[in-house]
Amino acid sequence: MEPQVSKSEFRNAMARVCAPVNVVTTDGPAGRGGFTATAMCSVTDEPPTLIVCMNSKSAQTDLFVQNKQFCVNVLPSEHKDLAANFAGAVSDMSARFASAEWYLLKSGLPSLREAIVSFACETVDMHRVGTHNILVGRVIDIRQRNDDSALLYFDRHYVHVPSQAGSFGG
């Protein structure tokens, strides 16, 4: 069956879907790298697993494939510049990492010190779909904070949502 939705129609519609902004990092024998992603979600909690999507044309694809591990860092609202840096505004990888403070997890993966939550994952599978690779990661470590507002991407702009930690509405 021929697609009935154009690329631009789909992109414009997806721009209306609010998504958390993440910096996905890796480190290991192939080197250190990272990119900004909004395409991330949980898959299952038995075992704890998530997916993240990465453009297959990225120069970093081999790093992520060879290192076989990655860390999803969910950004707080004050990290718009970091998101832009890892999205390509800064091409030098060491300069990208130098623009924030990092904490090394037990796995050796770089976790953003101010991340709302960081999920360290070992890559258990990867699938190419269209222009992107879907990395499937088994979560092996979690580091989280409870006192920040989230950086989200909506309508092609960064927005933030204040934390409601400890409140249940009413």
C-alpha atoms as a PDB file:
ATOM      1  CA  MET A   1       0.000   0.000   0.000  1.00  0.00           C
ATOM      2  CA  GLU A   2       1.338   3.447  -0.979  1.00  0.00           C
ATOM      3  CA  PRO A   3       1.733   5.979   1.884  1.00  0.00           C
ATOM      4  CA  GLN A   4      -1.103   8.484   1.851  1.00  0.00           C
ATOM      5  CA  VAL A   5       0.557  10.996   4.150  1.00  0.00           C
ATOM      6  CA  SER A   6       3.393  13.174   2.877  1.00  0.00           C
ATOM      7  CA  LYS A   7       6.682  13.637   4.711  1.00  0.00           C
ATOM      8  CA  SER A   8       5.871  17.300   5.432  1.00  0.00           C
ATOM      9  CA  GLU A   9       2.344  16.459   6.634  1.00  0.00           C
ATOM     10  CA  PHE A  10       3.765  13.884   9.018  1.00  0.00           C
ATOM     11  CA  ARG A  11       6.561  16.183  10.268  1.00  0.00           C
ATOM     12  CA  ASN A  12       4.104  19.034  10.851  1.00  0.00           C
ATOM     13  CA  ALA A  13       1.735  16.748  12.757  1.00  0.00           C
ATOM     14  CA  MET A  14       4.577  15.303  14.880  1.00  0.00           C
ATOM     15  CA  ALA A  15       5.679  18.853  15.747  1.00  0.00           C
ATOM     16  CA  ARG A  16       2.392  19.114  17.654  1.00  0.00           C
ATOM     17  CA  VAL A  17       3.359  16.170  19.896  1.00  0.00           C
ATOM     18  CA  CYS A  18       5.082  17.263  23.099  1.00  0.00           C
ATOM     19  CA  ALA A  19       8.218  15.263  23.933  1.00  0.00           C
ATOM     20  CA  PRO A  20      10.932  15.332  26.614  1.00  0.00           C
ATOM     21  CA  VAL A  21      14.352  16.517  25.441  1.00  0.00           C
ATOM     22  CA  ASN A  22      17.187  14.074  26.097  1.00  0.00           C
ATOM     23  CA  VAL A  23      20.914  14.029  25.555  1.00  0.00           C
ATOM     24  CA  VAL A  24      21.954  10.465  24.785  1.00  0.00           C
ATOM     25  CA  THR A  25      25.600   9.693  25.543  1.00  0.00           C
ATOM     26  CA  THR A  26      27.987   6.795  25.081  1.00  0.00           C
ATOM     27  CA  ASP A  27      31.547   5.979  26.055  1.00  0.00           C
ATOM     28  CA  GLY A  28      33.673   2.902  25.637  1.00  0.00           C
ATOM     29  CA  PRO A  29      36.319   1.362  23.385  1.00  0.00           C
ATOM     30  CA  ALA A  30      35.047   3.251  20.314  1.00  0.00           C
ATOM     31  CA  GLY A  31      35.103   6.634  22.079  1.00  0.00           C
ATOM     32  CA  ARG A  32      32.753   9.159  23.648  1.00  0.00           C
ATOM     33  CA  GLY A  33      29.782  10.710  21.880  1.00  0.00           C
ATOM     34  CA  GLY A  34      26.322  12.109  22.304  1.00  0.00           C
ATOM     35  CA  PHE A  35      23.280  13.511  20.526  1.00  0.00           C
ATOM     36  CA  THR A  36      19.969  15.177  21.334  1.00  0.00           C
ATOM     37  CA  ALA A  37      16.825  13.072  20.975  1.00  0.00           C
ATOM     38  CA  THR A  38      13.134  13.468  21.633  1.00  0.00           C
ATOM     39  CA  ALA A  39      12.249  10.001  20.345  1.00  0.00           C
ATOM     40  CA  MET A  40      12.640   7.972  23.552  1.00  0.00           C
ATOM     41  CA  CYS A  41      10.175   5.878  25.504  1.00  0.00           C
ATOM     42  CA  SER A  42       9.860   2.900  27.809  1.00  0.00           C
ATOM     43  CA  VAL A  43       9.147  -0.519  26.353  1.00  0.00           C
ATOM     44  CA  THR A  44       8.656  -2.769  29.383  1.00  0.00           C
ATOM     45  CA  ASP A  45       9.516  -2.964  33.076  1.00  0.00           C
ATOM     46  CA  GLU A  46      10.323  -6.714  32.990  1.00  0.00           C
ATOM     47  CA  PRO A  47      13.181  -6.360  32.260  1.00  0.00           C
ATOM     48  CA  PRO A  48      13.407  -2.545  32.421  1.00  0.00           C
ATOM     49  CA  THR A  49      13.869  -1.568  28.774  1.00  0.00           C
ATOM     50  CA  LEU A  50      13.613   1.604  26.717  1.00  0.00           C
ATOM     51  CA  ILE A  51      14.117   2.674  23.128  1.00  0.00           C
ATOM     52  CA  VAL A  52      15.754   5.735  21.634  1.00  0.00           C
ATOM     53  CA  CYS A  53      15.916   6.704  17.975  1.00  0.00           C
ATOM     54  CA  MET A  54      19.072   7.987  16.275  1.00  0.00           C
ATOM     55  CA  ASN A  55      19.466   9.235  12.723  1.00  0.00           C
ATOM     56  CA  SER A  56      21.238   6.470  10.811  1.00  0.00           C
ATOM     57  CA  LYS A  57      23.305   9.070   8.914  1.00  0.00           C
ATOM     58  CA  SER A  58      24.835  10.349  12.149  1.00  0.00           C
ATOM     59  CA  ALA A  59      28.624  10.213  12.192  1.00  0.00           C
ATOM     60  CA  GLN A  60      28.281   8.758  15.697  1.00  0.00           C
ATOM     61  CA  THR A  61      26.311   5.674  14.733  1.00  0.00           C
ATOM     62  CA  ASP A  62      29.410   3.454  14.833  1.00  0.00           C
ATOM     63  CA  LEU A  63      30.326   4.732  18.335  1.00  0.00           C
ATOM     64  CA  PHE A  64      26.959   3.676  19.699  1.00  0.00           C
ATOM     65  CA  VAL A  65      27.002   0.341  17.872  1.00  0.00           C
ATOM     66  CA  GLN A  66      30.552  -0.565  18.957  1.00  0.00           C
ATOM     67  CA  ASN A  67      30.262   0.650  22.568  1.00  0.00           C
ATOM     68  CA  LYS A  68      27.064  -1.388  23.029  1.00  0.00           C
ATOM     69  CA  GLN A  69      25.869   0.969  25.763  1.00  0.00           C
ATOM     70  CA  PHE A  70      24.255   4.377  26.099  1.00  0.00           C
ATOM     71  CA  CYS A  71      22.816   6.744  28.698  1.00  0.00           C
ATOM     72  CA  VAL A  72      19.607   8.728  28.227  1.00  0.00           C
ATOM     73  CA  ASN A  73      19.795  12.003  30.176  1.00  0.00           C
ATOM     74  CA  VAL A  74      16.407  13.728  30.553  1.00  0.00           C
ATOM     75  CA  LEU A  75      17.105  17.467  30.505  1.00  0.00           C
ATOM     76  CA  PRO A  76      15.876  20.056  32.985  1.00  0.00           C
ATOM     77  CA  SER A  77      14.511  23.322  31.562  1.00  0.00           C
ATOM     78  CA  GLU A  78      17.732  25.304  32.031  1.00  0.00           C
ATOM     79  CA  HIS A  79      19.614  23.145  29.488  1.00  0.00           C
ATOM     80  CA  LYS A  80      18.264  24.521  26.179  1.00  0.00           C
ATOM     81  CA  ASP A  81      21.805  25.438  25.118  1.00  0.00           C
ATOM     82  CA  LEU A  82      23.110  21.960  25.926  1.00  0.00           C
ATOM     83  CA  ALA A  83      20.290  20.446  23.863  1.00  0.00           C
ATOM     84  CA  ALA A  84      21.250  22.711  20.946  1.00  0.00           C
ATOM     85  CA  ASN A  85      24.953  21.853  21.339  1.00  0.00           C
ATOM     86  CA  PHE A  86      24.310  18.111  21.192  1.00  0.00           C
ATOM     87  CA  ALA A  87      21.855  18.613  18.308  1.00  0.00           C
ATOM     88  CA  GLY A  88      24.745  19.931  16.225  1.00  0.00           C
ATOM     89  CA  ALA A  89      25.115  23.649  17.058  1.00  0.00           C
ATOM     90  CA  VAL A  90      28.587  22.670  18.329  1.00  0.00           C
ATOM     91  CA  SER A  91      30.396  20.176  16.109  1.00  0.00           C
ATOM     92  CA  ASP A  92      33.379  19.386  18.363  1.00  0.00           C
ATOM     93  CA  MET A  93      32.402  16.554  20.731  1.00  0.00           C
ATOM     94  CA  SER A  94      34.806  17.574  23.513  1.00  0.00           C
ATOM     95  CA  ALA A  95      33.323  21.107  23.423  1.00  0.00           C
ATOM     96  CA  ARG A  96      29.818  19.640  23.700  1.00  0.00           C
ATOM     97  CA  PHE A  97      30.784  17.738  26.830  1.00  0.00           C
ATOM     98  CA  ALA A  98      32.718  20.721  28.220  1.00  0.00           C
ATOM     99  CA  SER A  99      29.522  22.809  28.174  1.00  0.00           C
ATOM    100  CA  ALA A 100      28.057  20.907  31.176  1.00  0.00           C
ATOM    101  CA  GLU A 101      29.054  18.936  34.261  1.00  0.00           C
ATOM    102  CA  TRP A 102      29.086  15.134  33.967  1.00  0.00           C
ATOM    103  CA  TYR A 103      29.094  12.288  36.476  1.00  0.00           C
ATOM    104  CA  LEU A 104      30.405   8.842  35.538  1.00  0.00           C
ATOM    105  CA  LEU A 105      28.016   6.024  36.363  1.00  0.00           C
ATOM    106  CA  LYS A 106      29.234   2.571  37.447  1.00  0.00           C
ATOM    107  CA  SER A 107      29.083   1.536  33.785  1.00  0.00           C
ATOM    108  CA  GLY A 108      31.477   4.353  32.850  1.00  0.00           C
ATOM    109  CA  LEU A 109      28.720   6.170  30.955  1.00  0.00           C
ATOM    110  CA  PRO A 110      28.554   9.963  31.242  1.00  0.00           C
ATOM    111  CA  SER A 111      25.462  11.118  33.125  1.00  0.00           C
ATOM    112  CA  LEU A 112      24.565  14.809  33.132  1.00  0.00           C
ATOM    113  CA  ARG A 113      24.992  15.939  36.734  1.00  0.00           C
ATOM    114  CA  GLU A 114      21.827  18.098  36.517  1.00  0.00           C
ATOM    115  CA  ALA A 115      19.705  15.578  34.576  1.00  0.00           C
ATOM    116  CA  ILE A 116      16.221  14.992  35.958  1.00  0.00           C
ATOM    117  CA  VAL A 117      16.887  11.304  35.416  1.00  0.00           C
ATOM    118  CA  SER A 118      19.610   9.323  33.656  1.00  0.00           C
ATOM    119  CA  PHE A 119      19.058   5.802  32.351  1.00  0.00           C
ATOM    120  CA  ALA A 120      22.242   3.790  31.741  1.00  0.00           C
ATOM    121  CA  CYS A 121      21.518   1.046  29.216  1.00  0.00           C
ATOM    122  CA  GLU A 122      23.241  -1.839  27.550  1.00  0.00           C
ATOM    123  CA  THR A 123      22.206  -2.157  23.925  1.00  0.00           C
ATOM    124  CA  VAL A 124      20.305  -5.414  23.439  1.00  0.00           C
ATOM    125  CA  ASP A 125      19.060  -4.801  19.898  1.00  0.00           C
ATOM    126  CA  MET A 126      19.055  -2.287  17.082  1.00  0.00           C
ATOM    127  CA  HIS A 127      16.702  -1.978  14.128  1.00  0.00           C
ATOM    128  CA  ARG A 128      16.832   0.337  11.155  1.00  0.00           C
ATOM    129  CA  VAL A 129      13.489   1.820  10.171  1.00  0.00           C
ATOM    130  CA  GLY A 130      13.553   4.368   7.359  1.00  0.00           C
ATOM    131  CA  THR A 131      16.079   7.086   8.201  1.00  0.00           C
ATOM    132  CA  HIS A 132      16.636   6.066  11.841  1.00  0.00           C
ATOM    133  CA  ASN A 133      18.126   3.359  14.007  1.00  0.00           C
ATOM    134  CA  ILE A 134      16.038   2.253  16.959  1.00  0.00           C
ATOM    135  CA  LEU A 135      18.340   1.398  19.852  1.00  0.00           C
ATOM    136  CA  VAL A 136      16.797  -0.988  22.360  1.00  0.00           C
ATOM    137  CA  GLY A 137      18.439  -0.703  25.753  1.00  0.00           C
ATOM    138  CA  ARG A 138      18.126  -2.763  28.917  1.00  0.00           C
ATOM    139  CA  VAL A 139      18.337  -0.331  31.817  1.00  0.00           C
ATOM    140  CA  ILE A 140      21.244  -1.276  34.091  1.00  0.00           C
ATOM    141  CA  ASP A 141      21.409   1.832  36.296  1.00  0.00           C
ATOM    142  CA  ILE A 142      19.229   4.866  37.100  1.00  0.00           C
ATOM    143  CA  ARG A 143      20.238   8.180  38.634  1.00  0.00           C
ATOM    144  CA  GLN A 144      17.492  10.712  39.393  1.00  0.00           C
ATOM    145  CA  ARG A 145      16.676  14.038  41.012  1.00  0.00           C
ATOM    146  CA  ASN A 146      13.256  15.287  42.078  1.00  0.00           C
ATOM    147  CA  ASP A 147      13.625  19.046  42.077  1.00  0.00           C
ATOM    148  CA  ASP A 148      13.606  20.278  38.489  1.00  0.00           C
ATOM    149  CA  SER A 149      11.301  21.353  35.720  1.00  0.00           C
ATOM    150  CA  ALA A 150      11.488  19.428  32.477  1.00  0.00           C
ATOM    151  CA  LEU A 151      12.665  20.700  29.105  1.00  0.00           C
ATOM    152  CA  LEU A 152      10.163  19.681  26.442  1.00  0.00           C
ATOM    153  CA  TYR A 153       9.985  20.119  22.690  1.00  0.00           C
ATOM    154  CA  PHE A 154       6.662  21.257  21.242  1.00  0.00           C
ATOM    155  CA  ASP A 155       5.746  22.997  17.976  1.00  0.00           C
ATOM    156  CA  ARG A 156       9.464  23.173  17.051  1.00  0.00           C
ATOM    157  CA  HIS A 157      10.346  25.123  20.203  1.00  0.00           C
ATOM    158  CA  TYR A 158      11.789  24.290  23.605  1.00  0.00           C
ATOM    159  CA  VAL A 159       9.281  24.728  26.432  1.00  0.00           C
ATOM    160  CA  HIS A 160       9.397  23.782  30.095  1.00  0.00           C
ATOM    161  CA  VAL A 161       6.966  22.301  32.558  1.00  0.00           C
ATOM    162  CA  PRO A 162       7.492  23.049  36.261  1.00  0.00           C
ATOM    163  CA  SER A 163       7.970  20.091  38.563  1.00  0.00           C
ATOM    164  CA  GLN A 164       4.910  18.987  40.489  1.00  0.00           C
ATOM    165  CA  ALA A 165       6.920  16.652  42.725  1.00  0.00           C
ATOM    166  CA  GLY A 166       5.062  15.984  45.914  1.00  0.00           C
ATOM    167  CA  SER A 167       1.716  17.383  44.734  1.00  0.00           C
ATOM    168  CA  PHE A 168      -1.187  15.314  43.503  1.00  0.00           C
ATOM    169  CA  GLY A 169      -3.453  18.047  42.183  1.00  0.00           C
ATOM    170  CA  GLY A 170      -6.691  18.900  43.741  1.00  0.00           C
END
